[in-house]
Structure formats: structure tokens, C-alpha cells
Amino acid sequence: MLRTVAPAPEPCDCPGCSGTDLDPADLIDDLIDGGALLLGCEDPLEVEMFAANLLAVGNQAGEGFAEALAGAVVPALEQIGSREALAVLCAIAALEEGDAAATAAHRLTTAGLAAPGWAAELRLPVDTTELLRFADPGDNLSVLVATFTRAGRTHGFSINVVHRDCHAAAEILIFPGEALPQVTDMIQHGDGSRTLVITRAPIAPADFRWEAERALNARSDHDQDPDSPPPPPDEDDDAPDYHLSAELLRARLRLLPPPSRPPAQHGD
């Protein structure tokens, strides 16, 4: 199991954190502290998990966080211009959908600031190595499994999808690539006493992306609905938070071919 290298900032209830008027001072101190830990990282995946933690906390705080991140937090980090600030910018750049952090990091390195040791590996391409779908005969529950490789390091995601609950994701497991046989065996055989047959089949990249994004979007809708019952707590206290895992998974899904069919409507 993997975990983040540093805790994400706690959600803030100030007016700025609920919209586009986010004051970067509410986050910068925590981010710089996290940047100091990032400088000691060896595996770029841990760096991405730090960024995913930040995005998850921000997106849960309210609408407008992406704009505040690009328009306020990133410029503040660039102005600080320390190696810790650069480490945070490089981490954000790995997962952001825009290019604000990447551009700021490039300006700092061009000016002579040394990039973290993991930065070059983090920019290398991520290749998809396995895409699998497991399901029971009635397709009440499915499990999507994907593994990805970068610079010889492989990691994977397992997504539990509950189809009777609007096809929403119930749990996301991040695991090291070498654990794939154990993960797939657990899905199909559990503790050995299961009588239900679980089928295993490869799935095309575009179809995997469509199903995974449907699951993540349905779960996001449920999480934002005050009338929806809360999801059960994670059984593994050491596992990364669901929302952190979802942010990192979304970044990996963007590497897959876009589906030919339109995004699913909630509940479809």
C-alpha cells in the first residue's frame, strides 16, 4: 500500500476557500513545509500523491479552487522561488489539467534554480500495462484494475464499482505493480470460501476510461449531495484517502484514449 509523503492542508472554511478569492497565505506555509519533504522523495509517485492530496482537499472546499490555484497559489509559490516552492510547483504540474504550475516551474529552473532529483523521471511518459474488468454474473458489482509503468516503476489501481448505486465507485486501492497477482487473486477468490463466480476479462482502453470516469463522477455527485448517505469508512487506516486516490486516478485516465461514446449521465 502507498501513502502520501506529507499531509495535505486541512480544508478551510474561510470565504476565500469556498471560491475564487482564495488567499494563498492560507495554503502556502503548509505547502512549503510539504515541499521540504518532497525534496527527499525517491519515488515520483509519492510526489504525485502529494499533489493529489492538495487537489482533493481544494476541490472538496468548494468551486473555484482550480482557478485560485492557477491564479493565486502558483504565482505565490513562484514569487517565493525556493527549492521547496519549486518542488511543490513540479508536483502540481504533474497532475494539473492546465499549465500554470509547469510554466512557473520552468521559469524558476531557467533562472538557475536546481530542480528536485525526481523531476526528470516525473516528466517521462507513463505507459498502460494492464487493463482488466472483473464482474459477477449479474454485473451487480465490478472491479476495474489498471497498471501503469514509468521509468521501470509500476503501480496499479483497483476500483470497486457498485452498479446498483448509480455505478458509483465505492473504493479505490493503489498498489505496487508487483502486487497485481495478489490483487487479482483476492478479487476472484477472496478468502477461499466465496461461491460466487467472478469473471475476468481484458477491456479496451477507451472503454476502461468510460467506465472508470462514470464511477468517479457518480461518486462525486453522491459526495456533494447532502441527502446521500456517507460511504462506509475505509477498512485500511493506512490506505490513502478515497478522494486523493480519485485525483491521481483521473490523471491516469486522461492518458487513455477518449471514449467514442459520450459521458454517462448520472445513473445510466
Foldseek 3Di string as FASTA:
>chain_A
DDDAQAAADAQDQDPLLAAQNPALVSHPVRQLVVLVSLLPDDDCVNLLLRLLNHVLSSVVNHPHSLNNCLPHNLVVLLVVLAQSSLSNLLNNCLQDPDCSSVVSNVVSVVVPHDHRPCSVQSPFDKAWDAWKKKAFPVRQKIWIKTWIDTPRWIKMKIWIFGLVLQRATQAIAIGTPVCVVVVVCCVQQNPNPDPTGMDMDGDALQVSLLSLVSRHVLVVVLVPDPPRDDRDDDPDPRTYDRSSNSSSVVSVSVVTDHHPDDHDDGSD
